[in-house]
Amino acid sequence: MSLAGKTLFVTGASRGIGLAIALKAAADGANVAVAAKTAKPHPKLEGTIFTAAEEIEKAGGKALALEVDIREEEAVKAAIAKTAETFGGIDIVVNNASAIQLTKTPDTPMRRYDLMHQVNARGTFMVTKTALPFLEKAKNPHVLMLSPPLDLSERWFAPHVAYSMAKYGMSLCVLGFAGEFRSKGIAVNALWPRTTIATAAIKHVVGGEAMMRASRKPEILADAAYRIFQKPADEFTGNFLIDDTFLAGEGVTDFDPYRVDPTVALQPDFFVPADSVPPASLKPAGS
């Protein structure tokens, strides 16, 4: 199968994982709505909705740059409507946009708590809800959340309750939507990385350059998402997928090309269940 002619609505697609997924689809000739806040260059973050759109079109797809704050209902409604009007519908929704702050309860300002819940849980719910009428008309419609398996272990919550609650809110949407939309033939799945991914959040929020070197590239998630979108929507739904485990099941055996620095051991990501066994070593390549 191919994603040629399919239309993707991708939140947070101006850089990182969202852009990587968009570019993978664009190589097939897909249409991509780049829904993100960054319309002007950021002093610390690379990429805007317009530079992302240029990359998508160079990769072979068609792009629509949309300045959208997914906390704003009218902005989301307008962006979804514009996407459907421009491309004739919506086939795939990727809820990638997310806010993060890894602080303990006393150190978490309520404005940051509100931001994480408004973007992660509420934004994911609202984007999916708004796109639903168009997904119902699509052939093989998919909704994908970049969110973790529902492993409700204390260790994932105690260090940063506010962030974990907001992030797991996205996964609860997967659990509920998969059941609610199954009769409509709309697939809803979650995808999560086993290791940290080299993104702006890792560089500027979590661990700096050292952790960037210990990360995998966003392309591992793009390759996984691409394969998910080609699964039969009426059969492949309600799954909480770890990127490398899913790709291994699809026949991928060499994961070293996804490493940022093959000489460095990979850093496991948050929220990966303890009983999830990696299909490839996380030690330095060749060791």
C-alpha atoms as a PDB file:
ATOM      1  CA  MET A   1       0.000   0.000   0.000  1.00  0.00           C
ATOM      2  CA  SER A   2       0.928   3.647  -0.386  1.00  0.00           C
ATOM      3  CA  LEU A   3      -0.096   6.888   1.298  1.00  0.00           C
ATOM      4  CA  ALA A   4      -0.263   8.668  -2.069  1.00  0.00           C
ATOM      5  CA  GLY A   5      -3.221  11.035  -2.095  1.00  0.00           C
ATOM      6  CA  LYS A   6      -3.977  10.473   1.601  1.00  0.00           C
ATOM      7  CA  THR A   7      -4.413  13.535   3.793  1.00  0.00           C
ATOM      8  CA  LEU A   8      -2.742  13.745   7.192  1.00  0.00           C
ATOM      9  CA  PHE A   9      -3.504  16.320   9.878  1.00  0.00           C
ATOM     10  CA  VAL A  10      -0.408  16.404  12.102  1.00  0.00           C
ATOM     11  CA  THR A  11      -0.222  18.494  15.257  1.00  0.00           C
ATOM     12  CA  GLY A  12       3.183  19.787  16.308  1.00  0.00           C
ATOM     13  CA  ALA A  13       4.547  19.083  12.818  1.00  0.00           C
ATOM     14  CA  SER A  14       6.904  22.036  12.510  1.00  0.00           C
ATOM     15  CA  ARG A  15       9.831  19.978  13.819  1.00  0.00           C
ATOM     16  CA  GLY A  16      10.902  16.723  15.458  1.00  0.00           C
ATOM     17  CA  ILE A  17       8.710  13.637  15.472  1.00  0.00           C
ATOM     18  CA  GLY A  18       5.708  15.299  13.848  1.00  0.00           C
ATOM     19  CA  LEU A  19       7.801  16.565  10.951  1.00  0.00           C
ATOM     20  CA  ALA A  20       9.520  13.189  10.518  1.00  0.00           C
ATOM     21  CA  ILE A  21       6.124  11.454  10.227  1.00  0.00           C
ATOM     22  CA  ALA A  22       4.980  14.116   7.767  1.00  0.00           C
ATOM     23  CA  LEU A  23       8.072  13.721   5.591  1.00  0.00           C
ATOM     24  CA  LYS A  24       7.739   9.931   5.499  1.00  0.00           C
ATOM     25  CA  ALA A  25       4.167  10.250   4.245  1.00  0.00           C
ATOM     26  CA  ALA A  26       5.132  13.014   1.817  1.00  0.00           C
ATOM     27  CA  ALA A  27       7.625  10.702   0.111  1.00  0.00           C
ATOM     28  CA  ASP A  28       4.585   8.690  -1.032  1.00  0.00           C
ATOM     29  CA  GLY A  29       2.859  11.826  -2.318  1.00  0.00           C
ATOM     30  CA  ALA A  30       0.587  12.419   0.679  1.00  0.00           C
ATOM     31  CA  ASN A  31      -1.062  15.707   1.612  1.00  0.00           C
ATOM     32  CA  VAL A  32      -0.037  17.052   5.005  1.00  0.00           C
ATOM     33  CA  ALA A  33      -1.599  19.778   7.130  1.00  0.00           C
ATOM     34  CA  VAL A  34       1.149  21.164   9.368  1.00  0.00           C
ATOM     35  CA  ALA A  35      -0.789  22.248  12.453  1.00  0.00           C
ATOM     36  CA  ALA A  36       1.480  24.004  14.954  1.00  0.00           C
ATOM     37  CA  LYS A  37       2.008  27.299  16.775  1.00  0.00           C
ATOM     38  CA  THR A  38       5.397  28.237  15.352  1.00  0.00           C
ATOM     39  CA  ALA A  39       4.758  30.692  12.543  1.00  0.00           C
ATOM     40  CA  LYS A  40       7.847  32.809  13.283  1.00  0.00           C
ATOM     41  CA  PRO A  41      11.387  31.536  13.935  1.00  0.00           C
ATOM     42  CA  HIS A  42      12.063  30.701  17.582  1.00  0.00           C
ATOM     43  CA  PRO A  43      15.403  31.789  19.092  1.00  0.00           C
ATOM     44  CA  LYS A  44      16.140  28.273  20.395  1.00  0.00           C
ATOM     45  CA  LEU A  45      13.982  25.942  18.300  1.00  0.00           C
ATOM     46  CA  GLU A  46      14.488  25.095  14.655  1.00  0.00           C
ATOM     47  CA  GLY A  47      11.647  25.142  12.168  1.00  0.00           C
ATOM     48  CA  THR A  48       8.321  26.855  11.567  1.00  0.00           C
ATOM     49  CA  ILE A  49       5.096  25.703   9.938  1.00  0.00           C
ATOM     50  CA  PHE A  50       6.363  27.296   6.726  1.00  0.00           C
ATOM     51  CA  THR A  51       9.796  25.651   6.669  1.00  0.00           C
ATOM     52  CA  ALA A  52       8.112  22.330   7.443  1.00  0.00           C
ATOM     53  CA  ALA A  53       5.700  22.850   4.541  1.00  0.00           C
ATOM     54  CA  GLU A  54       8.650  23.539   2.225  1.00  0.00           C
ATOM     55  CA  GLU A  55      10.365  20.323   3.322  1.00  0.00           C
ATOM     56  CA  ILE A  56       7.184  18.323   2.811  1.00  0.00           C
ATOM     57  CA  GLU A  57       6.753  19.611  -0.736  1.00  0.00           C
ATOM     58  CA  LYS A  58      10.416  18.953  -1.547  1.00  0.00           C
ATOM     59  CA  ALA A  59       9.902  15.385  -0.290  1.00  0.00           C
ATOM     60  CA  GLY A  60       7.100  14.881  -2.800  1.00  0.00           C
ATOM     61  CA  GLY A  61       3.945  15.756  -0.913  1.00  0.00           C
ATOM     62  CA  LYS A  62       1.524  18.662  -0.775  1.00  0.00           C
ATOM     63  CA  ALA A  63       1.511  20.839   2.326  1.00  0.00           C
ATOM     64  CA  LEU A  64      -0.806  23.232   4.110  1.00  0.00           C
ATOM     65  CA  ALA A  65       0.792  25.410   6.795  1.00  0.00           C
ATOM     66  CA  LEU A  66      -1.674  26.163   9.590  1.00  0.00           C
ATOM     67  CA  GLU A  67      -0.899  28.305  12.620  1.00  0.00           C
ATOM     68  CA  VAL A  68      -2.897  26.516  15.307  1.00  0.00           C
ATOM     69  CA  ASP A  69      -2.937  26.534  19.094  1.00  0.00           C
ATOM     70  CA  ILE A  70      -4.724  23.268  19.838  1.00  0.00           C
ATOM     71  CA  ARG A  71      -5.963  24.716  23.118  1.00  0.00           C
ATOM     72  CA  GLU A  72      -8.268  27.034  21.154  1.00  0.00           C
ATOM     73  CA  GLU A  73     -11.476  25.365  19.967  1.00  0.00           C
ATOM     74  CA  GLU A  74     -12.282  27.796  17.159  1.00  0.00           C
ATOM     75  CA  ALA A  75      -8.722  27.597  15.829  1.00  0.00           C
ATOM     76  CA  VAL A  76      -8.910  23.796  15.742  1.00  0.00           C
ATOM     77  CA  LYS A  77     -12.293  23.849  14.014  1.00  0.00           C
ATOM     78  CA  ALA A  78     -11.017  26.301  11.389  1.00  0.00           C
ATOM     79  CA  ALA A  79      -7.832  24.288  10.772  1.00  0.00           C
ATOM     80  CA  ILE A  80      -9.687  20.990  10.351  1.00  0.00           C
ATOM     81  CA  ALA A  81     -12.212  22.624   8.017  1.00  0.00           C
ATOM     82  CA  LYS A  82      -9.467  24.272   5.958  1.00  0.00           C
ATOM     83  CA  THR A  83      -7.619  20.970   5.623  1.00  0.00           C
ATOM     84  CA  ALA A  84     -10.728  19.116   4.439  1.00  0.00           C
ATOM     85  CA  GLU A  85     -11.626  21.943   2.044  1.00  0.00           C
ATOM     86  CA  THR A  86      -8.106  22.074   0.579  1.00  0.00           C
ATOM     87  CA  PHE A  87      -7.527  18.351   0.133  1.00  0.00           C
ATOM     88  CA  GLY A  88     -11.059  16.964  -0.082  1.00  0.00           C
ATOM     89  CA  GLY A  89     -11.103  15.220   3.282  1.00  0.00           C
ATOM     90  CA  ILE A  90      -8.944  13.872   6.112  1.00  0.00           C
ATOM     91  CA  ASP A  91      -7.693  10.281   6.285  1.00  0.00           C
ATOM     92  CA  ILE A  92      -5.223  10.320   9.176  1.00  0.00           C
ATOM     93  CA  VAL A  93      -4.888  12.375  12.359  1.00  0.00           C
ATOM     94  CA  VAL A  94      -1.594  12.396  14.242  1.00  0.00           C
ATOM     95  CA  ASN A  95      -1.846  13.809  17.763  1.00  0.00           C
ATOM     96  CA  ASN A  96       1.810  14.613  18.317  1.00  0.00           C
ATOM     97  CA  ALA A  97       1.722  18.053  19.969  1.00  0.00           C
ATOM     98  CA  SER A  98       2.629  17.860  23.635  1.00  0.00           C
ATOM     99  CA  ALA A  99       3.805  20.023  26.517  1.00  0.00           C
ATOM    100  CA  ILE A 100       6.309  18.800  29.088  1.00  0.00           C
ATOM    101  CA  GLN A 101       7.654  19.926  32.445  1.00  0.00           C
ATOM    102  CA  LEU A 102       9.379  17.365  34.659  1.00  0.00           C
ATOM    103  CA  THR A 103       8.932  18.941  38.068  1.00  0.00           C
ATOM    104  CA  LYS A 104       7.800  17.669  41.434  1.00  0.00           C
ATOM    105  CA  THR A 105       4.492  18.871  42.831  1.00  0.00           C
ATOM    106  CA  PRO A 106       5.804  21.836  44.927  1.00  0.00           C
ATOM    107  CA  ASP A 107       7.800  23.075  41.925  1.00  0.00           C
ATOM    108  CA  THR A 108       4.981  22.912  39.380  1.00  0.00           C
ATOM    109  CA  PRO A 109       3.222  26.250  38.805  1.00  0.00           C
ATOM    110  CA  MET A 110      -0.479  25.795  38.123  1.00  0.00           C
ATOM    111  CA  ARG A 111      -0.136  27.629  34.815  1.00  0.00           C
ATOM    112  CA  ARG A 112       2.269  24.886  33.665  1.00  0.00           C
ATOM    113  CA  TYR A 113      -0.090  22.205  35.015  1.00  0.00           C
ATOM    114  CA  ASP A 114      -2.904  23.799  33.029  1.00  0.00           C
ATOM    115  CA  LEU A 115      -0.763  24.085  29.884  1.00  0.00           C
ATOM    116  CA  MET A 116       0.177  20.391  29.925  1.00  0.00           C
ATOM    117  CA  HIS A 117      -3.387  19.237  30.451  1.00  0.00           C
ATOM    118  CA  GLN A 118      -4.810  21.658  27.890  1.00  0.00           C
ATOM    119  CA  VAL A 119      -2.328  20.639  25.189  1.00  0.00           C
ATOM    120  CA  ASN A 120      -1.856  16.937  25.912  1.00  0.00           C
ATOM    121  CA  ALA A 121      -5.180  15.540  27.064  1.00  0.00           C
ATOM    122  CA  ARG A 122      -7.681  18.229  26.064  1.00  0.00           C
ATOM    123  CA  GLY A 123      -5.968  19.096  22.777  1.00  0.00           C
ATOM    124  CA  THR A 124      -5.813  15.456  21.727  1.00  0.00           C
ATOM    125  CA  PHE A 125      -9.479  14.971  22.589  1.00  0.00           C
ATOM    126  CA  MET A 126     -10.575  18.130  20.783  1.00  0.00           C
ATOM    127  CA  VAL A 127      -8.573  17.556  17.585  1.00  0.00           C
ATOM    128  CA  THR A 128      -9.859  14.003  17.294  1.00  0.00           C
ATOM    129  CA  LYS A 129     -13.440  15.021  18.071  1.00  0.00           C
ATOM    130  CA  THR A 130     -13.344  17.783  15.472  1.00  0.00           C
ATOM    131  CA  ALA A 131     -11.840  15.590  12.762  1.00  0.00           C
ATOM    132  CA  LEU A 132     -14.279  12.726  13.394  1.00  0.00           C
ATOM    133  CA  PRO A 133     -16.892  13.667  10.733  1.00  0.00           C
ATOM    134  CA  PHE A 134     -14.177  13.598   8.057  1.00  0.00           C
ATOM    135  CA  LEU A 135     -12.568  10.395   9.324  1.00  0.00           C
ATOM    136  CA  GLU A 136     -15.959   8.688   9.140  1.00  0.00           C
ATOM    137  CA  LYS A 137     -15.973   9.325   5.375  1.00  0.00           C
ATOM    138  CA  ALA A 138     -12.378   8.215   4.760  1.00  0.00           C
ATOM    139  CA  LYS A 139     -11.128   4.900   3.464  1.00  0.00           C
ATOM    140  CA  ASN A 140      -8.946   3.214   6.073  1.00  0.00           C
ATOM    141  CA  PRO A 141      -8.979   6.105   8.589  1.00  0.00           C
ATOM    142  CA  HIS A 142      -6.391   6.185  11.364  1.00  0.00           C
ATOM    143  CA  VAL A 143      -5.832   8.247  14.502  1.00  0.00           C
ATOM    144  CA  LEU A 144      -2.402   7.972  16.101  1.00  0.00           C
ATOM    145  CA  MET A 145      -1.374   9.348  19.488  1.00  0.00           C
ATOM    146  CA  LEU A 146       2.282   9.781  20.411  1.00  0.00           C
ATOM    147  CA  SER A 147       1.603   8.573  23.911  1.00  0.00           C
ATOM    148  CA  PRO A 148       2.727   5.774  26.250  1.00  0.00           C
ATOM    149  CA  PRO A 149       1.319   2.381  27.179  1.00  0.00           C
ATOM    150  CA  LEU A 150      -1.021   2.528  30.167  1.00  0.00           C
ATOM    151  CA  ASP A 151       1.466   1.165  32.691  1.00  0.00           C
ATOM    152  CA  LEU A 152       0.088   2.698  35.892  1.00  0.00           C
ATOM    153  CA  SER A 153       3.194   2.199  38.000  1.00  0.00           C
ATOM    154  CA  GLU A 154       4.020   4.547  40.863  1.00  0.00           C
ATOM    155  CA  ARG A 155       7.534   5.103  39.496  1.00  0.00           C
ATOM    156  CA  TRP A 156       6.146   6.849  36.413  1.00  0.00           C
ATOM    157  CA  PHE A 157       4.075   9.272  38.465  1.00  0.00           C
ATOM    158  CA  ALA A 158       5.984  10.092  41.646  1.00  0.00           C
ATOM    159  CA  PRO A 159       8.780  12.164  40.009  1.00  0.00           C
ATOM    160  CA  HIS A 160       6.422  14.372  37.923  1.00  0.00           C
ATOM    161  CA  VAL A 161       2.747  13.857  38.733  1.00  0.00           C
ATOM    162  CA  ALA A 162       1.451  16.737  36.612  1.00  0.00           C
ATOM    163  CA  TYR A 163       3.250  15.701  33.422  1.00  0.00           C
ATOM    164  CA  SER A 164       2.431  12.010  33.817  1.00  0.00           C
ATOM    165  CA  MET A 165      -1.268  12.743  34.356  1.00  0.00           C
ATOM    166  CA  ALA A 166      -1.383  14.909  31.234  1.00  0.00           C
ATOM    167  CA  LYS A 167       0.562  12.467  29.070  1.00  0.00           C
ATOM    168  CA  TYR A 168      -1.458   9.459  30.204  1.00  0.00           C
ATOM    169  CA  GLY A 169      -4.549  11.508  29.379  1.00  0.00           C
ATOM    170  CA  MET A 170      -3.606  11.074  25.718  1.00  0.00           C
ATOM    171  CA  SER A 171      -3.372   7.313  26.210  1.00  0.00           C
ATOM    172  CA  LEU A 172      -6.748   7.211  27.923  1.00  0.00           C
ATOM    173  CA  CYS A 173      -8.137   8.842  24.793  1.00  0.00           C
ATOM    174  CA  VAL A 174      -6.718   5.917  22.810  1.00  0.00           C
ATOM    175  CA  LEU A 175      -8.359   3.401  25.129  1.00  0.00           C
ATOM    176  CA  GLY A 176     -11.733   5.102  24.921  1.00  0.00           C
ATOM    177  CA  PHE A 177     -11.725   6.183  21.286  1.00  0.00           C
ATOM    178  CA  ALA A 178     -10.651   2.729  20.062  1.00  0.00           C
ATOM    179  CA  GLY A 179     -13.737   1.207  21.628  1.00  0.00           C
ATOM    180  CA  GLU A 180     -16.061   4.049  20.720  1.00  0.00           C
ATOM    181  CA  PHE A 181     -15.005   4.259  17.065  1.00  0.00           C
ATOM    182  CA  ARG A 182     -14.488   0.546  16.357  1.00  0.00           C
ATOM    183  CA  SER A 183     -17.941   0.187  14.831  1.00  0.00           C
ATOM    184  CA  LYS A 184     -17.149   3.119  12.542  1.00  0.00           C
ATOM    185  CA  GLY A 185     -14.028   1.405  11.213  1.00  0.00           C
ATOM    186  CA  ILE A 186     -11.692   4.105  12.547  1.00  0.00           C
ATOM    187  CA  ALA A 187      -8.403   2.820  13.966  1.00  0.00           C
ATOM    188  CA  VAL A 188      -7.020   4.523  17.071  1.00  0.00           C
ATOM    189  CA  ASN A 189      -3.560   3.503  18.279  1.00  0.00           C
ATOM    190  CA  ALA A 190      -0.711   4.782  20.467  1.00  0.00           C
ATOM    191  CA  LEU A 191       2.964   4.798  19.532  1.00  0.00           C
ATOM    192  CA  TRP A 192       5.792   5.361  22.011  1.00  0.00           C
ATOM    193  CA  PRO A 193       9.609   5.207  21.766  1.00  0.00           C
ATOM    194  CA  ARG A 194      11.656   2.736  23.771  1.00  0.00           C
ATOM    195  CA  THR A 195      14.507   5.238  23.984  1.00  0.00           C
ATOM    196  CA  THR A 196      14.674   8.975  24.138  1.00  0.00           C
ATOM    197  CA  ILE A 197      14.325  10.620  20.728  1.00  0.00           C
ATOM    198  CA  ALA A 198      16.577  13.435  19.541  1.00  0.00           C
ATOM    199  CA  THR A 199      14.107  16.327  19.680  1.00  0.00           C
ATOM    200  CA  ALA A 200      14.043  19.862  21.020  1.00  0.00           C
ATOM    201  CA  ALA A 201      12.350  18.621  24.216  1.00  0.00           C
ATOM    202  CA  ILE A 202      15.244  16.270  24.947  1.00  0.00           C
ATOM    203  CA  LYS A 203      17.839  18.931  24.180  1.00  0.00           C
ATOM    204  CA  HIS A 204      16.288  21.855  26.037  1.00  0.00           C
ATOM    205  CA  VAL A 205      14.123  20.272  28.759  1.00  0.00           C
ATOM    206  CA  VAL A 206      15.284  16.783  29.646  1.00  0.00           C
ATOM    207  CA  GLY A 207      18.975  16.143  29.174  1.00  0.00           C
ATOM    208  CA  GLY A 208      20.942  18.442  26.860  1.00  0.00           C
ATOM    209  CA  GLU A 209      23.525  17.381  24.301  1.00  0.00           C
ATOM    210  CA  ALA A 210      24.634  14.287  26.235  1.00  0.00           C
ATOM    211  CA  MET A 211      21.162  12.786  26.124  1.00  0.00           C
ATOM    212  CA  MET A 212      20.758  13.786  22.480  1.00  0.00           C
ATOM    213  CA  ARG A 213      23.759  11.574  21.693  1.00  0.00           C
ATOM    214  CA  ALA A 214      22.171   8.735  23.671  1.00  0.00           C
ATOM    215  CA  SER A 215      18.940   8.981  21.688  1.00  0.00           C
ATOM    216  CA  ARG A 216      17.475   7.551  18.527  1.00  0.00           C
ATOM    217  CA  LYS A 217      16.433   9.688  15.572  1.00  0.00           C
ATOM    218  CA  PRO A 218      12.782  10.671  14.986  1.00  0.00           C
ATOM    219  CA  GLU A 219      12.824   8.539  11.838  1.00  0.00           C
ATOM    220  CA  ILE A 220      12.255   5.376  13.896  1.00  0.00           C
ATOM    221  CA  LEU A 221       8.832   6.680  14.897  1.00  0.00           C
ATOM    222  CA  ALA A 222       8.143   7.887  11.356  1.00  0.00           C
ATOM    223  CA  ASP A 223       8.875   4.424   9.964  1.00  0.00           C
ATOM    224  CA  ALA A 224       6.636   2.820  12.588  1.00  0.00           C
ATOM    225  CA  ALA A 225       3.809   5.301  11.984  1.00  0.00           C
ATOM    226  CA  TYR A 226       4.017   4.738   8.232  1.00  0.00           C
ATOM    227  CA  ARG A 227       3.468   1.010   8.715  1.00  0.00           C
ATOM    228  CA  ILE A 228       0.638   1.584  11.199  1.00  0.00           C
ATOM    229  CA  PHE A 229      -1.241   3.746   8.687  1.00  0.00           C
ATOM    230  CA  GLN A 230      -1.212   0.909   6.173  1.00  0.00           C
ATOM    231  CA  LYS A 231      -2.845  -1.567   8.545  1.00  0.00           C
ATOM    232  CA  PRO A 232      -6.572  -2.321   8.017  1.00  0.00           C
ATOM    233  CA  ALA A 233      -8.327   0.239  10.213  1.00  0.00           C
ATOM    234  CA  ASP A 234     -11.195  -2.106  11.045  1.00  0.00           C
ATOM    235  CA  GLU A 235      -8.782  -4.694  12.430  1.00  0.00           C
ATOM    236  CA  PHE A 236      -5.723  -2.888  13.815  1.00  0.00           C
ATOM    237  CA  THR A 237      -6.973  -0.667  16.617  1.00  0.00           C
ATOM    238  CA  GLY A 238      -6.604  -0.142  20.363  1.00  0.00           C
ATOM    239  CA  ASN A 239      -2.885  -0.997  20.348  1.00  0.00           C
ATOM    240  CA  PHE A 240      -0.229   0.555  22.588  1.00  0.00           C
ATOM    241  CA  LEU A 241       2.917   0.092  20.531  1.00  0.00           C
ATOM    242  CA  ILE A 242       6.597   0.482  21.381  1.00  0.00           C
ATOM    243  CA  ASP A 243       8.446   1.605  18.256  1.00  0.00           C
ATOM    244  CA  ASP A 244      11.213  -0.996  17.973  1.00  0.00           C
ATOM    245  CA  THR A 245       9.070  -3.919  19.123  1.00  0.00           C
ATOM    246  CA  PHE A 246       6.447  -3.069  16.509  1.00  0.00           C
ATOM    247  CA  LEU A 247       9.051  -2.637  13.762  1.00  0.00           C
ATOM    248  CA  ALA A 248      10.708  -5.921  14.707  1.00  0.00           C
ATOM    249  CA  GLY A 249       7.335  -7.589  14.246  1.00  0.00           C
ATOM    250  CA  GLU A 250       7.236  -5.998  10.796  1.00  0.00           C
ATOM    251  CA  GLY A 251      10.562  -7.581   9.859  1.00  0.00           C
ATOM    252  CA  VAL A 252      13.055  -4.838  10.774  1.00  0.00           C
ATOM    253  CA  THR A 253      16.264  -6.330  12.190  1.00  0.00           C
ATOM    254  CA  ASP A 254      18.844  -3.509  12.091  1.00  0.00           C
ATOM    255  CA  PHE A 255      18.152  -0.663  14.491  1.00  0.00           C
ATOM    256  CA  ASP A 256      21.648   0.855  14.553  1.00  0.00           C
ATOM    257  CA  PRO A 257      20.932   3.357  11.725  1.00  0.00           C
ATOM    258  CA  TYR A 258      18.410   5.039  14.031  1.00  0.00           C
ATOM    259  CA  ARG A 259      21.092   5.892  16.626  1.00  0.00           C
ATOM    260  CA  VAL A 260      22.324   9.483  16.836  1.00  0.00           C
ATOM    261  CA  ASP A 261      25.745   8.306  18.088  1.00  0.00           C
ATOM    262  CA  PRO A 262      26.452   4.561  17.696  1.00  0.00           C
ATOM    263  CA  THR A 263      29.295   4.747  20.247  1.00  0.00           C
ATOM    264  CA  VAL A 264      26.939   5.720  23.096  1.00  0.00           C
ATOM    265  CA  ALA A 265      24.515   3.485  25.010  1.00  0.00           C
ATOM    266  CA  LEU A 266      20.888   4.362  24.378  1.00  0.00           C
ATOM    267  CA  GLN A 267      18.843   6.073  27.095  1.00  0.00           C
ATOM    268  CA  PRO A 268      15.521   4.318  27.879  1.00  0.00           C
ATOM    269  CA  ASP A 269      12.509   6.611  27.724  1.00  0.00           C
ATOM    270  CA  PHE A 270       9.876   7.220  30.387  1.00  0.00           C
ATOM    271  CA  PHE A 271       6.823   4.979  30.645  1.00  0.00           C
ATOM    272  CA  VAL A 272       8.214   1.837  28.954  1.00  0.00           C
ATOM    273  CA  PRO A 273       6.878  -1.155  30.931  1.00  0.00           C
ATOM    274  CA  ALA A 274       9.496  -3.161  32.795  1.00  0.00           C
ATOM    275  CA  ASP A 275       8.462  -6.389  31.086  1.00  0.00           C
ATOM    276  CA  SER A 276       8.965  -4.954  27.579  1.00  0.00           C
ATOM    277  CA  VAL A 277      12.065  -6.642  26.166  1.00  0.00           C
ATOM    278  CA  PRO A 278      13.965  -4.661  23.492  1.00  0.00           C
ATOM    279  CA  PRO A 279      14.467  -6.500  20.188  1.00  0.00           C
ATOM    280  CA  ALA A 280      17.969  -4.999  19.848  1.00  0.00           C
ATOM    281  CA  SER A 281      20.662  -4.138  22.387  1.00  0.00           C
ATOM    282  CA  LEU A 282      20.653  -0.639  23.863  1.00  0.00           C
ATOM    283  CA  LYS A 283      24.396  -0.867  24.510  1.00  0.00           C
ATOM    284  CA  PRO A 284      26.849   0.928  22.207  1.00  0.00           C
ATOM    285  CA  ALA A 285      26.671  -0.515  18.702  1.00  0.00           C
ATOM    286  CA  GLY A 286      28.968  -3.490  18.231  1.00  0.00           C
ATOM    287  CA  SER A 287      29.605  -4.014  21.954  1.00  0.00           C
END
